[in-house]
Amino acid sequence: MLLMKKIKLIALFVLFTGSLLAQITLPALFSDNMVLQQQSEAPFWGWANAGAEITVKGSWSNDTVKTIVYKDGKWVLKLPTPKASGPYFVTINLDTLHNVMIGEVWICSGQSNMQ
């Protein structure tokens, strides 16, 4: 009887921990060779299992930003960025984005004669 209780307890622990270490899905926007706006709080978001903890750390800082995945499977947090510099890496749980630069990000649109 005691052995059966131990087996059930271990099975519950494995199932519960597996859901917390779930695979994270990021939008294509977040990838190697990306640029983040300098001196801002860069938003990061994605999807994972509800209740899982997400940790994001930039190699330019010793600080780690954490959040918990919402019930709908979405998560969002803001990572403070330094002055323009790089390359760095960003670690999101166990995944790492390489060659991340920090600088000015400009989006331009206009007419065909725009120079």
N, C-alpha and C. Protein backbone atom coordinates (compact mmCIF):
# COMPACT_ATOMS: atom_id res chain seq x y z
N MET A 1 0.82 -1.19 0.00
CA MET A 1 0.00 0.00 0.00
C MET A 1 0.87 1.26 0.00
N LEU A 2 1.91 1.26 0.79
CA LEU A 2 2.81 2.40 0.87
C LEU A 2 3.52 2.62 -0.47
N LEU A 3 3.90 1.53 -1.12
CA LEU A 3 4.56 1.63 -2.42
C LEU A 3 3.63 2.26 -3.45
N MET A 4 2.37 1.90 -3.43
CA MET A 4 1.40 2.45 -4.38
C MET A 4 1.23 3.95 -4.16
N LYS A 5 1.21 4.41 -2.92
CA LYS A 5 1.10 5.84 -2.63
C LYS A 5 2.31 6.59 -3.16
N LYS A 6 3.50 6.00 -2.98
CA LYS A 6 4.72 6.64 -3.47
C LYS A 6 4.70 6.76 -4.99
N ILE A 7 4.25 5.71 -5.66
CA ILE A 7 4.18 5.73 -7.13
C ILE A 7 3.21 6.80 -7.60
N LYS A 8 2.05 6.90 -6.96
CA LYS A 8 1.07 7.93 -7.34
C LYS A 8 1.63 9.33 -7.11
N LEU A 9 2.31 9.52 -5.99
CA LEU A 9 2.89 10.82 -5.68
C LEU A 9 3.96 11.20 -6.70
N ILE A 10 4.81 10.27 -7.07
CA ILE A 10 5.84 10.53 -8.07
C ILE A 10 5.21 10.84 -9.42
N ALA A 11 4.18 10.09 -9.80
CA ALA A 11 3.50 10.34 -11.07
C ALA A 11 2.89 11.74 -11.11
N LEU A 12 2.23 12.14 -10.03
CA LEU A 12 1.67 13.49 -9.95
C LEU A 12 2.75 14.56 -10.05
N PHE A 13 3.85 14.35 -9.37
CA PHE A 13 4.96 15.30 -9.41
C PHE A 13 5.51 15.44 -10.82
N VAL A 14 5.72 14.32 -11.51
CA VAL A 14 6.24 14.36 -12.88
C VAL A 14 5.27 15.06 -13.81
N LEU A 15 3.99 14.78 -13.71
CA LEU A 15 3.00 15.42 -14.57
C LEU A 15 2.92 16.92 -14.30
N PHE A 16 2.95 17.31 -13.04
CA PHE A 16 2.86 18.73 -12.69
C PHE A 16 4.10 19.49 -13.14
N THR A 17 5.29 18.92 -12.91
CA THR A 17 6.52 19.60 -13.30
C THR A 17 6.63 19.68 -14.81
N GLY A 18 6.19 18.69 -15.51
CA GLY A 18 6.25 18.71 -16.97
C GLY A 18 5.45 19.86 -17.55
N SER A 19 4.31 20.16 -16.95
CA SER A 19 3.51 21.26 -17.47
C SER A 19 4.15 22.61 -17.19
N LEU A 20 4.90 22.73 -16.09
CA LEU A 20 5.55 23.99 -15.78
C LEU A 20 6.80 24.23 -16.63
N LEU A 21 7.40 23.17 -17.13
CA LEU A 21 8.58 23.29 -17.98
C LEU A 21 8.20 23.19 -19.45
N ALA A 22 7.01 23.62 -19.78
CA ALA A 22 6.48 23.47 -21.13
C ALA A 22 7.28 24.27 -22.15
N GLN A 23 7.18 23.83 -23.38
CA GLN A 23 7.83 24.51 -24.49
C GLN A 23 7.23 25.90 -24.68
N ILE A 24 8.09 26.87 -24.87
CA ILE A 24 7.67 28.25 -25.11
C ILE A 24 7.63 28.49 -26.61
N THR A 25 6.59 29.17 -27.07
CA THR A 25 6.49 29.57 -28.47
C THR A 25 6.61 31.09 -28.53
N LEU A 26 7.54 31.56 -29.37
CA LEU A 26 7.75 33.00 -29.57
C LEU A 26 7.28 33.40 -30.96
N PRO A 27 6.81 34.64 -31.14
CA PRO A 27 6.51 35.11 -32.48
C PRO A 27 7.81 35.24 -33.29
N ALA A 28 7.70 35.21 -34.61
CA ALA A 28 8.87 35.29 -35.49
C ALA A 28 9.66 36.58 -35.29
N LEU A 29 9.04 37.58 -34.73
CA LEU A 29 9.69 38.86 -34.45
C LEU A 29 10.91 38.68 -33.55
N PHE A 30 10.86 37.72 -32.63
CA PHE A 30 11.97 37.48 -31.71
C PHE A 30 12.83 36.35 -32.26
N SER A 31 14.04 36.71 -32.70
CA SER A 31 14.93 35.72 -33.30
C SER A 31 16.38 36.18 -33.17
N ASP A 32 17.30 35.35 -33.58
CA ASP A 32 18.70 35.75 -33.63
C ASP A 32 18.83 36.97 -34.54
N ASN A 33 19.85 37.79 -34.29
CA ASN A 33 20.17 38.96 -35.13
C ASN A 33 19.12 40.06 -35.08
N MET A 34 18.38 40.17 -34.00
CA MET A 34 17.37 41.22 -33.90
C MET A 34 17.96 42.46 -33.23
N VAL A 35 17.25 43.58 -33.34
CA VAL A 35 17.65 44.84 -32.71
C VAL A 35 16.55 45.26 -31.75
N LEU A 36 16.94 45.63 -30.53
CA LEU A 36 16.01 46.14 -29.53
C LEU A 36 16.26 47.63 -29.35
N GLN A 37 15.20 48.39 -29.11
CA GLN A 37 15.32 49.83 -28.88
C GLN A 37 16.14 50.10 -27.63
N GLN A 38 17.11 51.00 -27.75
CA GLN A 38 17.96 51.33 -26.60
C GLN A 38 17.21 52.11 -25.53
N GLN A 39 17.68 51.99 -24.31
CA GLN A 39 17.17 52.72 -23.15
C GLN A 39 15.64 52.72 -23.07
N SER A 40 15.07 51.54 -23.18
CA SER A 40 13.62 51.40 -23.12
C SER A 40 13.28 50.12 -22.35
N GLU A 41 12.01 49.86 -22.24
CA GLU A 41 11.56 48.58 -21.70
C GLU A 41 10.99 47.79 -22.87
N ALA A 42 11.82 46.93 -23.45
CA ALA A 42 11.43 46.18 -24.64
C ALA A 42 10.40 45.11 -24.27
N PRO A 43 9.24 45.12 -24.92
CA PRO A 43 8.23 44.10 -24.62
C PRO A 43 8.59 42.75 -25.24
N PHE A 44 8.44 41.70 -24.49
CA PHE A 44 8.59 40.32 -24.97
C PHE A 44 7.27 39.62 -24.68
N TRP A 45 6.83 38.77 -25.60
CA TRP A 45 5.60 38.02 -25.40
C TRP A 45 5.68 36.70 -26.14
N GLY A 46 4.74 35.83 -25.82
CA GLY A 46 4.69 34.52 -26.46
C GLY A 46 3.60 33.67 -25.85
N TRP A 47 3.75 32.35 -26.05
CA TRP A 47 2.74 31.40 -25.60
C TRP A 47 3.43 30.23 -24.90
N ALA A 48 2.76 29.68 -23.90
CA ALA A 48 3.23 28.50 -23.17
C ALA A 48 2.05 27.95 -22.39
N ASN A 49 2.28 26.90 -21.63
CA ASN A 49 1.21 26.32 -20.82
C ASN A 49 0.82 27.26 -19.68
N ALA A 50 -0.47 27.38 -19.44
CA ALA A 50 -0.97 28.25 -18.37
C ALA A 50 -0.32 27.89 -17.04
N GLY A 51 0.08 28.91 -16.31
CA GLY A 51 0.68 28.71 -15.00
C GLY A 51 2.18 28.53 -15.00
N ALA A 52 2.78 28.34 -16.17
CA ALA A 52 4.24 28.17 -16.24
C ALA A 52 4.93 29.49 -15.93
N GLU A 53 6.13 29.41 -15.38
CA GLU A 53 6.92 30.62 -15.10
C GLU A 53 7.84 30.90 -16.28
N ILE A 54 7.87 32.15 -16.72
CA ILE A 54 8.73 32.58 -17.82
C ILE A 54 9.79 33.51 -17.24
N THR A 55 11.06 33.24 -17.55
CA THR A 55 12.14 34.12 -17.13
C THR A 55 12.89 34.61 -18.36
N VAL A 56 13.17 35.91 -18.39
CA VAL A 56 13.90 36.52 -19.50
C VAL A 56 15.08 37.28 -18.92
N LYS A 57 16.27 37.07 -19.51
CA LYS A 57 17.47 37.74 -19.04
C LYS A 57 18.30 38.18 -20.23
N GLY A 58 18.68 39.45 -20.25
CA GLY A 58 19.61 39.96 -21.25
C GLY A 58 21.02 39.86 -20.72
N SER A 59 21.99 39.52 -21.57
CA SER A 59 23.37 39.35 -21.10
C SER A 59 24.01 40.67 -20.69
N TRP A 60 23.37 41.80 -20.96
CA TRP A 60 23.90 43.10 -20.56
C TRP A 60 23.60 43.42 -19.10
N SER A 61 22.84 42.58 -18.42
CA SER A 61 22.43 42.87 -17.05
C SER A 61 22.43 41.60 -16.21
N ASN A 62 22.56 41.76 -14.91
CA ASN A 62 22.46 40.62 -13.99
C ASN A 62 21.02 40.36 -13.57
N ASP A 63 20.12 41.26 -13.95
CA ASP A 63 18.71 41.15 -13.56
C ASP A 63 17.95 40.18 -14.45
N THR A 64 17.03 39.46 -13.85
CA THR A 64 16.14 38.55 -14.57
C THR A 64 14.71 39.05 -14.38
N VAL A 65 13.95 39.09 -15.48
CA VAL A 65 12.55 39.51 -15.42
C VAL A 65 11.69 38.24 -15.48
N LYS A 66 10.68 38.15 -14.62
CA LYS A 66 9.85 36.94 -14.55
C LYS A 66 8.37 37.29 -14.68
N THR A 67 7.61 36.32 -15.19
CA THR A 67 6.16 36.43 -15.22
C THR A 67 5.57 35.02 -15.21
N ILE A 68 4.27 34.94 -15.03
CA ILE A 68 3.54 33.67 -15.06
C ILE A 68 2.61 33.71 -16.27
N VAL A 69 2.51 32.59 -16.97
CA VAL A 69 1.64 32.50 -18.15
C VAL A 69 0.18 32.59 -17.72
N TYR A 70 -0.57 33.44 -18.45
CA TYR A 70 -2.00 33.62 -18.16
C TYR A 70 -2.78 32.34 -18.47
N LYS A 71 -4.04 32.30 -18.03
CA LYS A 71 -4.90 31.12 -18.25
C LYS A 71 -5.09 30.81 -19.73
N ASP A 72 -5.05 31.84 -20.59
CA ASP A 72 -5.24 31.62 -22.03
C ASP A 72 -3.95 31.20 -22.74
N GLY A 73 -2.86 30.99 -21.99
CA GLY A 73 -1.61 30.52 -22.58
C GLY A 73 -0.68 31.63 -23.06
N LYS A 74 -1.07 32.88 -22.87
CA LYS A 74 -0.24 34.01 -23.32
C LYS A 74 0.56 34.57 -22.15
N TRP A 75 1.71 35.14 -22.47
CA TRP A 75 2.51 35.83 -21.47
C TRP A 75 3.13 37.07 -22.09
N VAL A 76 3.43 38.05 -21.25
CA VAL A 76 4.07 39.28 -21.71
C VAL A 76 4.87 39.86 -20.54
N LEU A 77 6.02 40.46 -20.86
CA LEU A 77 6.82 41.16 -19.86
C LEU A 77 7.68 42.20 -20.56
N LYS A 78 8.32 43.06 -19.77
CA LYS A 78 9.17 44.12 -20.34
C LYS A 78 10.58 43.98 -19.80
N LEU A 79 11.55 44.02 -20.73
CA LEU A 79 12.96 43.86 -20.39
C LEU A 79 13.68 45.19 -20.59
N PRO A 80 14.24 45.79 -19.52
CA PRO A 80 14.96 47.06 -19.65
C PRO A 80 16.22 46.88 -20.51
N THR A 81 16.47 47.84 -21.41
CA THR A 81 17.63 47.77 -22.30
C THR A 81 18.61 48.91 -21.99
N PRO A 82 19.91 48.69 -22.27
CA PRO A 82 20.93 49.73 -22.01
C PRO A 82 21.07 50.69 -23.20
N LYS A 83 22.12 51.51 -23.16
CA LYS A 83 22.45 52.37 -24.30
C LYS A 83 22.86 51.50 -25.48
N ALA A 84 22.92 52.10 -26.66
CA ALA A 84 23.27 51.38 -27.89
C ALA A 84 24.59 50.63 -27.72
N SER A 85 24.57 49.35 -27.99
CA SER A 85 25.75 48.50 -27.89
C SER A 85 25.40 47.08 -28.32
N GLY A 86 26.34 46.20 -28.23
CA GLY A 86 26.10 44.80 -28.57
C GLY A 86 27.32 44.20 -29.22
N PRO A 87 27.28 42.97 -29.63
CA PRO A 87 26.15 42.05 -29.58
C PRO A 87 25.97 41.42 -28.19
N TYR A 88 24.73 41.05 -27.93
CA TYR A 88 24.35 40.40 -26.68
C TYR A 88 23.56 39.14 -27.00
N PHE A 89 23.13 38.46 -25.95
CA PHE A 89 22.17 37.37 -26.12
C PHE A 89 21.07 37.54 -25.09
N VAL A 90 19.89 37.03 -25.42
CA VAL A 90 18.74 37.07 -24.53
C VAL A 90 18.31 35.63 -24.27
N THR A 91 18.20 35.26 -23.01
CA THR A 91 17.78 33.91 -22.64
C THR A 91 16.34 33.96 -22.14
N ILE A 92 15.49 33.14 -22.77
CA ILE A 92 14.09 33.02 -22.38
C ILE A 92 13.90 31.58 -21.93
N ASN A 93 13.79 31.38 -20.62
CA ASN A 93 13.81 30.05 -20.00
C ASN A 93 15.03 29.29 -20.49
N LEU A 94 14.88 28.29 -21.32
CA LEU A 94 16.03 27.52 -21.79
C LEU A 94 16.44 27.88 -23.21
N ASP A 95 15.70 28.75 -23.88
CA ASP A 95 16.03 29.16 -25.25
C ASP A 95 16.88 30.42 -25.22
N THR A 96 17.80 30.54 -26.20
CA THR A 96 18.68 31.70 -26.26
C THR A 96 18.62 32.34 -27.64
N LEU A 97 18.46 33.66 -27.67
CA LEU A 97 18.52 34.44 -28.91
C LEU A 97 19.92 35.05 -28.97
N HIS A 98 20.63 34.82 -30.08
CA HIS A 98 22.02 35.26 -30.22
C HIS A 98 22.13 36.51 -31.08
N ASN A 99 23.26 37.22 -30.92
CA ASN A 99 23.59 38.39 -31.73
C ASN A 99 22.49 39.46 -31.66
N VAL A 100 22.04 39.75 -30.46
CA VAL A 100 21.02 40.77 -30.25
C VAL A 100 21.73 42.12 -30.07
N MET A 101 21.38 43.08 -30.90
CA MET A 101 21.97 44.41 -30.84
C MET A 101 20.99 45.36 -30.15
N ILE A 102 21.54 46.38 -29.50
CA ILE A 102 20.74 47.41 -28.85
C ILE A 102 21.03 48.72 -29.58
N GLY A 103 20.00 49.42 -30.02
CA GLY A 103 20.21 50.67 -30.75
C GLY A 103 18.91 51.38 -31.05
N GLU A 104 18.95 52.21 -32.08
CA GLU A 104 17.77 52.93 -32.52
C GLU A 104 17.01 52.08 -33.53
N VAL A 105 15.73 51.96 -33.34
CA VAL A 105 14.88 51.21 -34.26
C VAL A 105 13.92 52.21 -34.90
N TRP A 106 14.00 52.32 -36.22
CA TRP A 106 13.16 53.26 -36.97
C TRP A 106 12.36 52.48 -38.00
N ILE A 107 11.11 52.83 -38.15
CA ILE A 107 10.26 52.24 -39.19
C ILE A 107 9.82 53.39 -40.08
N CYS A 108 10.14 53.28 -41.36
CA CYS A 108 9.80 54.35 -42.30
C CYS A 108 8.89 53.81 -43.40
N SER A 109 7.99 54.64 -43.82
CA SER A 109 7.18 54.31 -44.98
C SER A 109 6.87 55.62 -45.68
N GLY A 110 6.66 55.54 -46.96
CA GLY A 110 6.40 56.78 -47.68
C GLY A 110 6.28 56.54 -49.16
N GLN A 111 6.57 57.58 -49.91
CA GLN A 111 6.45 57.51 -51.36
C GLN A 111 7.69 56.88 -51.97
N SER A 112 7.61 56.57 -53.25
CA SER A 112 8.73 55.93 -53.93
C SER A 112 9.93 56.85 -54.05
N ASN A 113 9.75 58.18 -53.93
CA ASN A 113 10.88 59.10 -54.03
C ASN A 113 11.52 59.38 -52.67
N MET A 114 11.14 58.66 -51.65
CA MET A 114 11.69 58.87 -50.31
C MET A 114 13.14 58.40 -50.28
N GLN A 115 14.04 59.27 -49.81
CA GLN A 115 15.46 58.90 -49.77
C GLN A 115 16.04 59.10 -48.41
